[in-house]
Amino acid sequence: MIRPLYNWVLRQAETPYALWTLAFVSLIESSMFPIPPDVLMIPMIIAAPKRAWLIAGVCTLASVLGGALGYYIGWGLFDSVGRPVLEFYHKADAFDALAGSYNDQGFWAVLIAGVTPFPYKVITIFSGVTGLNFALFMATSVLARGLRFFLIAALLYRFGEPIRDFIDRRLGLVATVSVALLIGGFAIVKYAL
């Protein structure tokens, strides 16, 4: 299932609307889409290395906006859906304690998820659910996502095709690790309550 979606994303890199597609994929990946924008960004930079910084900038901006959408999803749906469920199971107090400890470390959670393969969407939604300070969330998202995408752009600008080959050869491993981290993130939230 992942390979056809991955191949579709790669084909989009060759279209005249590639930058817009990249922005769209980056935006929705931060809140719900399973494929990271890197798989579109990488062939775009390899095809046009002189546009590496523009491509990384578009990816960063759209990803941070998508993070804000994920935050809103967590914030907006929690009161109407999440809190009543927690109250039904008498877990609202436990959740409030978890939210407090998460918010104390929120900067690190957003930074780590924004830079690493850990699914950023989990942290964007959870940050909204816990009410992490939005300004802190956005500033950290800009830092983390910018660091990630501009580092990839710099590596591709310098080394090019061998980096793409590495990702193509290890797509299964990358997808498996991403899914395991996503499930692990939800399990941590579930069992911490």
Protein backbone atom coordinates (compact mmCIF):
# COMPACT_ATOMS: atom_id res chain seq x y z
CA MET A 1 0.00 0.00 0.00
CA ILE A 2 2.82 2.41 0.83
CA ARG A 3 4.81 1.80 -2.39
CA PRO A 4 2.00 2.90 -4.81
CA LEU A 5 1.34 6.02 -2.72
CA TYR A 6 5.09 6.70 -2.60
CA ASN A 7 5.35 6.26 -6.39
CA TRP A 8 2.39 8.64 -6.92
CA VAL A 9 4.09 11.26 -4.76
CA LEU A 10 7.33 10.84 -6.73
CA ARG A 11 5.49 11.29 -10.05
CA GLN A 12 4.14 14.60 -8.77
CA ALA A 13 7.71 15.91 -8.59
CA GLU A 14 7.82 15.90 -12.39
CA THR A 15 4.70 18.00 -12.95
CA PRO A 16 4.57 21.78 -13.48
CA TYR A 17 2.59 22.03 -10.23
CA ALA A 18 5.19 20.20 -8.15
CA LEU A 19 5.77 23.11 -5.75
CA TRP A 20 2.03 23.41 -5.08
CA THR A 21 1.76 19.65 -4.63
CA LEU A 22 4.69 19.75 -2.22
CA ALA A 23 2.97 22.49 -0.23
CA PHE A 24 -0.25 20.47 -0.10
CA VAL A 25 1.47 17.21 0.92
CA SER A 26 3.52 19.07 3.56
CA LEU A 27 0.40 20.71 4.97
CA ILE A 28 -1.70 17.56 5.28
CA GLU A 29 1.21 15.36 6.41
CA SER A 30 1.51 17.44 9.57
CA SER A 31 -2.00 16.53 10.65
CA MET A 32 -3.17 13.35 8.88
CA PHE A 33 -1.32 12.12 5.72
CA PRO A 34 0.96 9.05 6.17
CA ILE A 35 3.69 9.91 3.60
CA PRO A 36 6.27 12.53 4.64
CA PRO A 37 6.89 15.41 2.22
CA ASP A 38 10.55 14.40 2.00
CA VAL A 39 9.70 11.85 -0.71
CA LEU A 40 8.46 14.66 -2.95
CA MET A 41 10.99 17.25 -1.85
CA ILE A 42 14.00 14.99 -2.54
CA PRO A 43 13.42 14.36 -6.28
CA MET A 44 12.45 18.02 -6.74
CA ILE A 45 15.78 19.17 -5.31
CA ILE A 46 17.75 16.55 -7.25
CA ALA A 47 16.04 17.74 -10.46
CA ALA A 48 16.66 21.44 -9.70
CA PRO A 49 19.44 21.87 -7.10
CA LYS A 50 19.48 25.65 -7.57
CA ARG A 51 15.91 25.74 -6.17
CA ALA A 52 16.82 23.70 -3.08
CA TRP A 53 16.32 26.58 -0.64
CA LEU A 54 12.99 27.65 -2.18
CA ILE A 55 11.74 24.06 -2.08
CA ALA A 56 12.84 23.64 1.55
CA GLY A 57 11.20 26.97 2.43
CA VAL A 58 7.86 26.00 0.87
CA CYS A 59 8.00 22.61 2.60
CA THR A 60 8.77 24.25 5.96
CA LEU A 61 6.06 26.90 5.71
CA ALA A 62 3.37 24.45 4.60
CA SER A 63 4.38 21.89 7.23
CA VAL A 64 4.18 24.46 10.03
CA LEU A 65 0.75 25.59 8.78
CA GLY A 66 -0.28 21.92 8.73
CA GLY A 67 1.02 21.64 12.28
CA ALA A 68 -1.29 24.50 13.25
CA LEU A 69 -4.14 22.56 11.63
CA GLY A 70 -3.20 19.47 13.65
CA TYR A 71 -3.09 21.58 16.80
CA TYR A 72 -6.56 22.90 16.01
CA ILE A 73 -7.86 19.37 15.42
CA GLY A 74 -6.61 18.35 18.86
CA TRP A 75 -7.85 21.51 20.52
CA GLY A 76 -11.23 21.65 18.77
CA LEU A 77 -12.21 18.00 19.02
CA PHE A 78 -11.00 17.31 22.51
CA ASP A 79 -13.67 19.30 24.33
CA SER A 80 -16.49 17.90 22.23
CA VAL A 81 -15.32 14.29 21.95
CA GLY A 82 -12.26 13.50 24.05
CA ARG A 83 -13.12 15.02 27.42
CA PRO A 84 -16.61 13.40 27.67
CA VAL A 85 -15.05 10.00 26.95
CA LEU A 86 -12.38 10.55 29.61
CA GLU A 87 -15.02 11.66 32.10
CA PHE A 88 -17.15 8.61 31.34
CA TYR A 89 -14.18 6.38 32.22
CA HIS A 90 -13.17 8.57 35.19
CA LYS A 91 -9.82 9.37 33.56
CA ALA A 92 -10.14 13.16 33.23
CA ASP A 93 -7.90 13.79 36.26
CA ALA A 94 -5.27 11.37 34.97
CA PHE A 95 -5.34 13.08 31.58
CA ASP A 96 -5.00 16.52 33.18
CA ALA A 97 -1.88 15.31 35.04
CA LEU A 98 -0.44 13.88 31.80
CA ALA A 99 -1.24 17.12 29.95
CA GLY A 100 0.53 19.15 32.62
CA SER A 101 3.69 17.05 32.45
CA TYR A 102 3.56 17.06 28.63
CA ASN A 103 3.23 20.83 28.54
CA ASP A 104 6.23 21.16 30.86
CA GLN A 105 8.29 19.31 28.22
CA GLY A 106 6.32 20.45 25.17
CA PHE A 107 9.23 22.30 23.57
CA TRP A 108 11.30 19.11 23.48
CA ALA A 109 8.42 16.96 22.27
CA VAL A 110 7.69 19.29 19.33
CA LEU A 111 11.39 19.73 18.53
CA ILE A 112 12.13 16.00 18.54
CA ALA A 113 9.02 15.08 16.54
CA GLY A 114 9.64 17.91 14.07
CA VAL A 115 13.20 16.81 13.28
CA THR A 116 13.07 13.03 13.59
CA PRO A 117 10.98 10.40 11.77
CA PHE A 118 8.58 10.31 14.74
CA PRO A 119 5.17 11.18 13.27
CA TYR A 120 4.93 14.96 13.72
CA LYS A 121 1.13 14.73 13.34
CA VAL A 122 0.87 12.87 16.66
CA ILE A 123 2.59 15.73 18.46
CA THR A 124 0.66 18.47 16.63
CA ILE A 125 -2.67 16.93 17.62
CA PHE A 126 -1.55 16.05 21.14
CA SER A 127 -0.22 19.59 21.64
CA GLY A 128 -3.68 20.92 20.81
CA VAL A 129 -5.37 18.39 23.06
CA THR A 130 -3.15 19.32 26.03
CA GLY A 131 -3.35 23.05 25.34
CA LEU A 132 0.40 23.52 24.88
CA ASN A 133 1.12 27.24 24.54
CA PHE A 134 0.36 27.93 20.88
CA ALA A 135 3.14 30.52 20.41
CA LEU A 136 5.68 28.06 21.83
CA PHE A 137 4.26 25.31 19.64
CA MET A 138 4.52 27.44 16.48
CA ALA A 139 8.03 28.79 17.23
CA THR A 140 9.32 25.30 17.98
CA SER A 141 7.62 23.92 14.86
CA VAL A 142 9.32 26.56 12.68
CA LEU A 143 12.68 25.71 14.25
CA ALA A 144 12.25 21.92 14.01
CA ARG A 145 10.69 21.68 10.58
CA GLY A 146 13.05 24.29 9.17
CA LEU A 147 16.04 22.43 10.59
CA ARG A 148 14.84 19.15 9.10
CA PHE A 149 13.94 20.37 5.61
CA PHE A 150 16.86 22.76 5.18
CA LEU A 151 19.30 20.07 6.35
CA ILE A 152 17.88 17.67 3.76
CA ALA A 153 18.12 20.44 1.13
CA ALA A 154 21.75 21.12 2.06
CA LEU A 155 22.66 17.42 1.88
CA LEU A 156 20.93 17.01 -1.47
CA TYR A 157 22.47 20.20 -2.81
CA ARG A 158 25.89 18.85 -1.86
CA PHE A 159 25.56 15.07 -2.47
CA GLY A 160 22.49 14.64 -4.72
CA GLU A 161 21.56 11.28 -6.19
CA PRO A 162 23.27 8.93 -3.67
CA ILE A 163 21.03 10.30 -0.90
CA ARG A 164 17.91 9.56 -2.97
CA ASP A 165 19.13 6.02 -3.66
CA PHE A 166 19.51 5.43 0.09
CA ILE A 167 15.90 6.46 0.74
CA ASP A 168 14.54 4.47 -2.21
CA ARG A 169 16.33 1.30 -1.09
CA ARG A 170 15.11 1.63 2.48
CA LEU A 171 11.52 2.80 1.95
CA GLY A 172 10.09 -0.33 3.55
CA LEU A 173 12.23 0.12 6.64
CA VAL A 174 11.44 3.85 6.83
CA ALA A 175 7.69 3.17 6.49
CA THR A 176 7.79 0.35 9.06
CA VAL A 177 9.65 2.46 11.60
CA SER A 178 7.27 5.39 11.02
CA VAL A 179 4.19 3.22 11.56
CA ALA A 180 5.73 1.64 14.67
CA LEU A 181 6.46 5.09 16.07
CA LEU A 182 2.92 6.25 15.29
CA ILE A 183 1.39 3.23 17.03
CA GLY A 184 3.86 3.60 19.89
CA GLY A 185 2.90 7.25 20.32
CA PHE A 186 -0.77 6.37 20.60
CA ALA A 187 0.03 3.48 22.97
CA ILE A 188 2.00 5.79 25.25
CA VAL A 189 -0.91 8.21 25.39
CA LYS A 190 -3.40 5.38 26.00
CA TYR A 191 -1.45 3.58 28.73
CA ALA A 192 -0.24 6.74 30.42
CA LEU A 193 -3.86 7.44 31.28
